[in-house]
Amino acid sequence: MKKVLLSAAILISAGSVFAQSKFVNKAFNEVKVENPNFDEARSLINQALENPETKDQAKTWYVAGFVENKIFEAERNKQFIGKQPDQVKMYEALVKTYDYYTKAFELDNMPNEKGKVKPKYSKDIQTTLRNNLNYLVNAGSYYYDSKNYQGSYDMFDKFTTYGSNDNFKPETQTPATDSLNLQIMFYKGIAASLIPNSQLAIASYENMKGKNYQELEVYKYLSTEYLNIKDSANFAKVLEEGAIKFPEDPYFSQTLINVYLNNEDYDKAMVYINEAIRQEPNQAQFYDLKGKILEFKKDIPAALENYKKATEIDPGYADAWANIGVLYYNAAVEEQDKATQIKDTKAYNKAMADVVRPKYQEALPYMQKAQALNPEKREYLVALRSIYYNLRMSEEFEKIEAIINQ
């Protein structure tokens, strides 16, 4: 009795495998006829992909990929006769072709029960994936133009993955093809940068470093991505690398200066502003910025010298004129604070007349010049109002007070 039951179980199991294998064969044959029913073929092969008896067989995955490739080809071939393909359907099938064939290739190259590898489908899989490789680029471009940046990234990622895999990259690969692979790696990063809160862009650009393709832009984009996620350490690190690698481009040194200023690391900021001036000695803004750094370092005479240098290079640079005026204005305020400590009225009046007002008088022409160059900047107007008040220039004070209160 036990033997009969065992035999029955074997027959049932064999029947199940046979039934599922029939699905695989029917799906395979369905897409080879003149007018294939792709929906039917997909339904059949999907059953086999889910069934425990056939889901781990190389043939099942090979036929699944074969079906999808036929769907892809049917849409693609419409272009050759002047018809518009369904691009969504076409590229979805293309993706599935790569996914299914990859799994089939893996299973096809596994050792059999005797420990030997005897692939049946790998050659055809390799040929198909190589032939379709450039269509992944078309798919990535289509998704990018459709603002499906995740889809675009995925297509470009597939292209670079297969394009650098010896099993699937074109056998006749040339330096031009290698260059295309690098180009698509770059575009992959651009697509990833448009995916919200994505770390994929950082990984893409980090991978591009050292590949000698658009490296200047790679470093700039990478620094921006770190800035976007507020990773200040890596932001500064990439800028420092970029400043060394591309000393001729001011972006890295100028951005680093602002980073170090924000961190109150004035010594490092000074290193990069000096390098910026070395590269472009006729940029007024560099001397103005150096003056600001020196002002932070409390070296007022040197700061004043650099501000004046900026005005000599560019007489229309309002901020440099204002920064000179502010230095003199601050000196006047400091002396005025000292004067307020004087108890004797006569001595106080003498200090105001002999020391404080002359300091405000020194500041006046520079602030006037800055305000003339940029009449609407509120900071200049407020500083001038205070100077006019302290110099007892009532008419000018009233005019500028009216402008401020407009």
Protein backbone atom coordinates (compact mmCIF):
# COMPACT_ATOMS: atom_id res chain seq x y z
CA MET A 1 0.00 0.00 0.00
CA LYS A 2 2.78 2.38 0.89
CA LYS A 3 4.50 1.68 -2.45
CA VAL A 4 1.32 2.50 -4.37
CA LEU A 5 0.91 5.79 -2.55
CA LEU A 6 4.54 6.68 -3.13
CA SER A 7 4.20 5.95 -6.84
CA ALA A 8 1.10 8.09 -7.00
CA ALA A 9 2.93 10.96 -5.32
CA ILE A 10 5.73 10.68 -7.85
CA LEU A 11 3.25 10.69 -10.72
CA ILE A 12 1.45 13.75 -9.29
CA SER A 13 4.76 15.60 -8.88
CA ALA A 14 5.90 14.68 -12.37
CA GLY A 15 2.55 15.76 -13.76
CA SER A 16 2.87 19.14 -12.05
CA VAL A 17 6.33 19.72 -13.46
CA PHE A 18 5.15 18.62 -16.89
CA ALA A 19 2.19 21.00 -16.74
CA GLN A 20 4.37 23.93 -15.78
CA SER A 21 6.90 23.03 -18.47
CA LYS A 22 4.05 23.08 -20.96
CA PHE A 23 3.34 26.66 -19.90
CA VAL A 24 6.96 27.56 -20.59
CA ASN A 25 6.90 25.92 -24.02
CA LYS A 26 3.52 27.42 -24.93
CA ALA A 27 4.72 30.91 -23.98
CA PHE A 28 7.86 30.39 -26.05
CA ASN A 29 5.93 29.21 -29.09
CA GLU A 30 3.23 31.87 -28.76
CA VAL A 31 5.62 34.76 -29.38
CA LYS A 32 7.20 33.09 -32.41
CA VAL A 33 4.03 33.04 -34.50
CA GLU A 34 3.20 35.74 -37.04
CA ASN A 35 0.60 37.50 -34.86
CA PRO A 36 1.58 36.65 -31.29
CA ASN A 37 -0.71 37.13 -28.32
CA PHE A 38 1.77 38.77 -25.97
CA ASP A 39 -0.68 39.02 -23.09
CA GLU A 40 -1.28 35.26 -23.27
CA ALA A 41 2.45 34.57 -23.46
CA ARG A 42 3.09 36.75 -20.43
CA SER A 43 0.31 35.09 -18.47
CA LEU A 44 1.70 31.63 -19.21
CA ILE A 45 5.30 32.42 -18.36
CA ASN A 46 4.36 34.35 -15.23
CA GLN A 47 2.67 31.21 -13.90
CA ALA A 48 5.84 29.26 -14.49
CA LEU A 49 7.95 31.97 -12.84
CA GLU A 50 5.84 31.70 -9.70
CA ASN A 51 5.55 27.92 -9.56
CA PRO A 52 8.07 26.21 -7.21
CA GLU A 53 8.59 23.44 -9.78
CA THR A 54 9.85 25.71 -12.57
CA LYS A 55 10.83 29.04 -10.98
CA ASP A 56 14.45 27.98 -10.49
CA GLN A 57 14.99 26.65 -14.01
CA ALA A 58 17.19 28.55 -16.44
CA LYS A 59 14.79 27.82 -19.30
CA THR A 60 11.88 29.48 -17.49
CA TRP A 61 13.77 32.73 -17.06
CA TYR A 62 15.20 32.49 -20.56
CA VAL A 63 11.72 32.18 -22.07
CA ALA A 64 10.49 35.05 -19.86
CA GLY A 65 13.26 37.22 -21.26
CA PHE A 66 12.57 35.96 -24.78
CA VAL A 67 8.90 36.96 -24.48
CA GLU A 68 9.77 40.45 -23.24
CA ASN A 69 12.37 40.91 -25.94
CA LYS A 70 9.80 40.00 -28.59
CA ILE A 71 7.44 42.62 -27.13
CA PHE A 72 10.27 45.15 -27.20
CA GLU A 73 11.14 44.28 -30.80
CA ALA A 74 7.52 44.49 -31.92
CA GLU A 75 7.29 48.09 -30.65
CA ARG A 76 10.76 49.05 -31.83
CA ASN A 77 10.13 47.73 -35.34
CA LYS A 78 7.18 50.08 -35.76
CA GLN A 79 9.74 52.86 -36.19
CA PHE A 80 11.13 51.15 -39.28
CA ILE A 81 7.79 51.38 -41.09
CA GLY A 82 7.01 54.94 -40.05
CA LYS A 83 4.75 54.16 -37.11
CA GLN A 84 4.99 55.53 -33.56
CA PRO A 85 5.86 52.88 -30.98
CA ASP A 86 4.34 52.80 -27.53
CA GLN A 87 7.50 53.92 -25.76
CA VAL A 88 6.25 53.09 -22.27
CA LYS A 89 5.42 49.55 -23.34
CA MET A 90 8.62 49.24 -25.36
CA TYR A 91 10.99 50.34 -22.60
CA GLU A 92 9.17 48.41 -19.87
CA ALA A 93 9.67 45.27 -21.96
CA LEU A 94 13.32 46.20 -22.52
CA VAL A 95 13.92 46.46 -18.77
CA LYS A 96 12.24 43.13 -18.12
CA THR A 97 14.33 41.55 -20.88
CA TYR A 98 17.50 42.52 -19.04
CA ASP A 99 16.15 41.47 -15.66
CA TYR A 100 14.90 38.06 -16.81
CA TYR A 101 17.91 37.30 -19.00
CA THR A 102 20.27 38.20 -16.18
CA LYS A 103 18.62 35.66 -13.92
CA ALA A 104 18.57 33.09 -16.74
CA PHE A 105 22.29 33.65 -17.41
CA GLU A 106 23.06 33.12 -13.73
CA LEU A 107 21.08 29.86 -13.56
CA ASP A 108 22.40 28.67 -16.93
CA ASN A 109 25.97 28.91 -15.67
CA MET A 110 25.47 26.98 -12.46
CA PRO A 111 27.15 23.55 -12.15
CA ASN A 112 24.88 20.57 -12.80
CA GLU A 113 24.61 17.51 -10.56
CA LYS A 114 27.97 16.33 -11.88
CA GLY A 115 29.63 19.65 -11.06
CA LYS A 116 29.93 20.68 -14.71
CA VAL A 117 28.77 23.93 -16.30
CA LYS A 118 26.96 23.34 -19.58
CA PRO A 119 25.10 26.53 -20.56
CA LYS A 120 22.30 26.21 -23.12
CA TYR A 121 21.01 29.76 -23.40
CA SER A 122 23.92 32.01 -22.45
CA LYS A 123 25.20 32.69 -25.96
CA ASP A 124 21.79 33.86 -27.17
CA ILE A 125 21.32 35.92 -24.00
CA GLN A 126 24.68 37.64 -24.47
CA THR A 127 23.96 38.42 -28.12
CA THR A 128 20.55 39.90 -27.36
CA LEU A 129 21.71 42.06 -24.46
CA ARG A 130 24.67 43.35 -26.44
CA ASN A 131 22.45 44.23 -29.39
CA ASN A 132 19.96 46.04 -27.16
CA LEU A 133 22.51 47.90 -25.07
CA ASN A 134 22.23 51.28 -26.78
CA TYR A 135 18.44 51.23 -26.50
CA LEU A 136 18.94 51.59 -22.75
CA VAL A 137 20.41 55.02 -23.50
CA ASN A 138 17.34 55.88 -25.58
CA ALA A 139 15.14 54.72 -22.71
CA GLY A 140 17.07 56.85 -20.22
CA SER A 141 16.71 59.89 -22.45
CA TYR A 142 12.99 59.25 -22.91
CA TYR A 143 12.39 58.98 -19.17
CA TYR A 144 14.53 62.07 -18.52
CA ASP A 145 12.52 64.13 -21.02
CA SER A 146 9.36 62.80 -19.38
CA LYS A 147 10.70 64.05 -16.01
CA ASN A 148 10.78 60.47 -14.72
CA TYR A 149 14.24 60.93 -13.27
CA GLN A 150 14.22 57.69 -11.28
CA GLY A 151 13.41 55.80 -14.49
CA SER A 152 16.12 57.70 -16.34
CA TYR A 153 18.67 56.90 -13.65
CA ASP A 154 17.70 53.21 -13.72
CA MET A 155 18.16 52.99 -17.51
CA PHE A 156 21.53 54.74 -17.46
CA ASP A 157 22.58 52.57 -14.53
CA LYS A 158 21.69 49.44 -16.47
CA PHE A 159 23.66 50.67 -19.47
CA THR A 160 26.79 51.32 -17.43
CA THR A 161 26.41 48.05 -15.52
CA TYR A 162 26.12 45.92 -18.65
CA GLY A 163 28.47 48.09 -20.67
CA SER A 164 31.28 47.41 -18.21
CA ASN A 165 30.46 43.72 -17.72
CA ASP A 166 32.65 41.50 -19.89
CA ASN A 167 29.79 39.04 -20.33
CA PHE A 168 27.52 41.59 -21.98
CA LYS A 169 29.50 44.53 -23.28
CA PRO A 170 30.02 44.61 -27.08
CA GLU A 171 32.80 42.27 -28.18
CA THR A 172 34.07 44.94 -30.57
CA GLN A 173 34.18 47.61 -27.90
CA THR A 174 36.29 50.58 -28.96
CA PRO A 175 37.67 53.58 -27.06
CA ALA A 176 34.66 55.51 -28.42
CA THR A 177 32.34 53.00 -26.79
CA ASP A 178 34.29 53.30 -23.54
CA SER A 179 33.87 57.06 -23.79
CA LEU A 180 30.13 56.58 -24.27
CA ASN A 181 30.04 54.48 -21.11
CA LEU A 182 31.69 57.33 -19.18
CA GLN A 183 29.31 59.83 -20.74
CA ILE A 184 26.30 57.83 -19.61
CA MET A 185 27.79 57.47 -16.12
CA PHE A 186 27.88 61.27 -16.03
CA TYR A 187 24.28 61.56 -17.22
CA LYS A 188 23.29 59.01 -14.61
CA GLY A 189 24.56 61.39 -11.95
CA ILE A 190 22.63 64.29 -13.47
CA ALA A 191 19.42 62.25 -13.47
CA ALA A 192 20.05 61.15 -9.89
CA SER A 193 20.56 64.74 -8.77
CA LEU A 194 16.96 65.44 -9.77
CA ILE A 195 15.58 62.65 -7.59
CA PRO A 196 14.46 64.26 -4.29
CA ASN A 197 16.57 63.39 -1.25
CA SER A 198 18.59 60.95 -3.30
CA GLN A 199 22.01 59.66 -2.26
CA LEU A 200 22.33 58.13 -5.72
CA ALA A 201 23.80 61.32 -7.19
CA ILE A 202 26.57 61.39 -4.61
CA ALA A 203 27.42 57.74 -5.29
CA SER A 204 27.39 58.39 -9.05
CA TYR A 205 29.66 61.43 -8.88
CA GLU A 206 32.01 59.83 -6.37
CA ASN A 207 32.35 56.93 -8.80
CA MET A 208 33.19 59.36 -11.60
CA LYS A 209 36.17 60.86 -9.76
CA GLY A 210 39.46 59.88 -11.35
CA LYS A 211 37.85 58.71 -14.61
CA ASN A 212 39.10 61.69 -16.64
CA TYR A 213 35.66 62.60 -17.91
CA GLN A 214 34.12 66.02 -17.17
CA GLU A 215 35.94 65.96 -13.84
CA LEU A 216 35.63 69.68 -13.26
CA GLU A 217 31.85 69.45 -13.52
CA VAL A 218 31.83 66.21 -11.51
CA TYR A 219 33.53 67.96 -8.57
CA LYS A 220 31.22 70.95 -8.80
CA TYR A 221 28.08 68.80 -8.92
CA LEU A 222 29.35 66.59 -6.14
CA SER A 223 30.03 69.57 -3.87
CA THR A 224 26.50 70.82 -4.54
CA GLU A 225 25.01 67.44 -3.60
CA TYR A 226 26.86 67.42 -0.28
CA LEU A 227 25.72 70.99 0.34
CA ASN A 228 22.11 69.99 -0.38
CA ILE A 229 22.18 67.34 2.35
CA LYS A 230 24.06 69.69 4.70
CA ASP A 231 27.12 67.42 4.90
CA SER A 232 29.54 70.25 5.63
CA ALA A 233 32.56 67.98 6.18
CA ASN A 234 32.34 66.29 2.79
CA PHE A 235 31.32 69.57 1.15
CA ALA A 236 34.57 71.17 2.31
CA LYS A 237 36.56 68.02 1.47
CA VAL A 238 35.38 68.01 -2.16
CA LEU A 239 36.06 71.73 -2.47
CA GLU A 240 39.59 71.25 -1.16
CA GLU A 241 40.18 68.39 -3.61
CA GLY A 242 38.77 70.51 -6.42
CA ALA A 243 40.93 73.51 -5.51
CA ILE A 244 44.05 71.33 -5.75
CA LYS A 245 42.97 69.52 -8.92
CA PHE A 246 41.65 72.60 -10.73
CA PRO A 247 43.61 75.59 -9.41
CA GLU A 248 42.67 77.63 -12.47
CA ASP A 249 38.96 77.53 -11.64
CA PRO A 250 37.98 80.10 -8.98
CA TYR A 251 34.80 78.26 -7.93
CA PHE A 252 36.50 76.00 -5.42
CA SER A 253 38.75 78.55 -3.72
CA GLN A 254 36.04 81.21 -3.57
CA THR A 255 33.48 78.79 -2.14
CA LEU A 256 36.03 77.50 0.38
CA ILE A 257 36.71 81.03 1.54
CA ASN A 258 33.04 81.45 2.41
CA VAL A 259 33.00 78.08 4.16
CA TYR A 260 36.00 79.00 6.31
CA LEU A 261 34.63 82.46 7.02
CA ASN A 262 31.37 80.93 8.22
CA ASN A 263 33.41 78.59 10.43
CA GLU A 264 35.57 81.53 11.61
CA ASP A 265 38.66 79.72 10.36
CA TYR A 266 40.32 82.87 9.10
CA ASP A 267 43.78 81.38 8.59
CA LYS A 268 42.47 78.82 6.09
CA ALA A 269 40.33 81.46 4.45
CA MET A 270 43.45 83.60 4.00
CA VAL A 271 45.27 80.72 2.27
CA TYR A 272 42.59 80.45 -0.38
CA ILE A 273 42.04 84.18 -0.89
CA ASN A 274 45.77 84.59 -1.49
CA GLU A 275 45.61 81.77 -4.03
CA ALA A 276 42.61 83.41 -5.69
CA ILE A 277 44.50 86.71 -5.94
CA ARG A 278 47.52 84.88 -7.36
CA GLN A 279 45.33 83.42 -10.09
CA GLU A 280 43.43 86.63 -10.83
CA PRO A 281 45.31 89.65 -9.46
CA ASN A 282 42.95 92.18 -11.03
CA GLN A 283 39.74 91.05 -9.34
CA ALA A 284 38.54 93.83 -7.01
CA GLN A 285 36.25 91.48 -5.10
CA PHE A 286 39.22 89.33 -4.01
CA TYR A 287 40.95 92.30 -2.37
CA ASP A 288 37.70 93.36 -0.80
CA LEU A 289 37.23 89.86 0.60
CA LYS A 290 40.83 89.74 1.81
CA GLY A 291 40.20 93.04 3.56
CA LYS A 292 37.19 91.52 5.30
CA ILE A 293 39.25 88.52 6.46
CA LEU A 294 41.94 90.83 7.81
CA GLU A 295 39.27 92.88 9.54
CA PHE A 296 38.04 89.71 11.25
CA LYS A 297 41.65 89.01 12.27
CA LYS A 298 41.78 92.55 13.80
CA ASP A 299 44.49 93.70 11.39
CA ILE A 300 42.76 96.98 10.56
CA PRO A 301 45.63 98.73 8.71
CA ALA A 302 46.06 95.75 6.37
CA ALA A 303 42.29 95.49 5.89
CA LEU A 304 42.14 99.18 4.97
CA GLU A 305 44.97 98.71 2.48
CA ASN A 306 43.13 95.88 0.70
CA TYR A 307 39.81 97.73 0.61
CA LYS A 308 41.56 100.70 -1.01
CA LYS A 309 43.25 98.36 -3.50
CA ALA A 310 39.81 97.09 -4.49
CA THR A 311 38.57 100.63 -5.16
CA GLU A 312 41.66 101.35 -7.27
CA ILE A 313 41.00 98.28 -9.44
CA ASP A 314 37.27 98.97 -9.69
CA PRO A 315 36.19 102.49 -8.68
CA GLY A 316 32.56 101.42 -9.11
CA TYR A 317 32.76 98.66 -6.50
CA ALA A 318 30.40 100.10 -3.87
CA ASP A 319 31.02 97.52 -1.14
CA ALA A 320 34.74 98.30 -1.01
CA TRP A 321 34.03 102.03 -0.54
CA ALA A 322 31.50 101.18 2.15
CA ASN A 323 33.93 98.86 3.95
CA ILE A 324 36.47 101.68 4.19
CA GLY A 325 33.78 103.98 5.53
CA VAL A 326 32.71 101.36 8.07
CA LEU A 327 36.27 101.03 9.40
CA TYR A 328 36.44 104.76 10.02
CA TYR A 329 32.87 104.78 11.35
CA ASN A 330 33.67 101.98 13.83
CA ALA A 331 36.74 103.89 14.98
CA ALA A 332 34.55 106.95 15.57
CA VAL A 333 32.02 104.91 17.57
CA GLU A 334 34.83 103.44 19.66
CA GLU A 335 36.19 106.91 20.45
CA GLN A 336 32.69 108.14 21.19
CA ASP A 337 32.18 105.34 23.70
CA LYS A 338 35.38 106.43 25.42
CA ALA A 339 34.24 110.04 25.44
CA THR A 340 30.97 109.17 27.15
CA GLN A 341 33.01 107.96 30.13
CA ILE A 342 34.45 111.46 30.64
CA LYS A 343 32.71 113.20 33.57
CA ASP A 344 34.07 116.70 32.98
CA THR A 345 31.87 118.54 30.47
CA LYS A 346 34.69 120.65 29.06
CA ALA A 347 36.92 117.63 28.55
CA TYR A 348 34.03 115.70 26.99
CA ASN A 349 33.29 118.47 24.50
CA LYS A 350 36.98 118.70 23.61
CA ALA A 351 37.16 114.92 22.98
CA MET A 352 34.07 115.08 20.76
CA ALA A 353 35.43 118.04 18.80
CA ASP A 354 39.05 116.95 18.49
CA VAL A 355 38.77 113.16 18.23
CA VAL A 356 35.27 111.79 17.65
CA ARG A 357 33.89 114.09 14.96
CA PRO A 358 37.07 114.01 12.88
CA LYS A 359 36.70 110.19 12.82
CA TYR A 360 33.13 110.52 11.57
CA GLN A 361 34.40 113.07 9.05
CA GLU A 362 36.90 110.50 7.76
CA ALA A 363 34.11 107.99 7.25
CA LEU A 364 31.79 110.46 5.49
CA PRO A 365 33.20 110.64 1.91
CA TYR A 366 33.53 106.85 1.65
CA MET A 367 29.95 106.22 2.75
CA GLN A 368 28.72 108.95 0.45
CA LYS A 369 30.57 107.36 -2.45
CA ALA A 370 29.11 103.92 -1.66
CA GLN A 371 25.60 105.37 -1.38
CA ALA A 372 26.00 107.23 -4.67
CA LEU A 373 26.99 103.99 -6.40
CA ASN A 374 24.15 102.01 -4.79
CA PRO A 375 21.51 104.56 -3.71
CA GLU A 376 18.94 102.04 -2.48
CA LYS A 377 21.09 99.90 -0.21
CA ARG A 378 19.64 100.37 3.26
CA GLU A 379 22.87 99.66 5.15
CA TYR A 380 24.56 102.62 3.44
CA LEU A 381 21.64 104.92 4.19
CA VAL A 382 21.53 103.97 7.87
CA ALA A 383 25.29 104.48 8.28
CA LEU A 384 25.10 107.87 6.57
CA ARG A 385 22.21 108.94 8.78
CA SER A 386 24.28 108.21 11.88
CA ILE A 387 27.28 110.08 10.47
CA TYR A 388 25.17 113.13 9.57
CA TYR A 389 23.64 113.11 13.04
CA ASN A 390 27.00 112.99 14.79
CA LEU A 391 28.45 115.68 12.52
CA ARG A 392 25.38 117.85 13.19
CA MET A 393 24.57 118.03 9.50
CA SER A 394 20.86 118.59 10.10
CA GLU A 395 19.78 119.27 6.52
CA GLU A 396 21.45 116.13 5.16
CA PHE A 397 20.18 114.15 8.15
CA GLU A 398 16.57 115.14 7.46
CA LYS A 399 16.81 114.26 3.78
CA ILE A 400 18.23 110.81 4.37
CA GLU A 401 15.80 110.22 7.25
CA ALA A 402 12.97 110.88 4.82
CA ILE A 403 14.41 108.41 2.31
CA ILE A 404 14.76 105.71 4.95
CA ASN A 405 11.21 106.22 6.20
CA GLN A 406 9.62 106.09 2.76
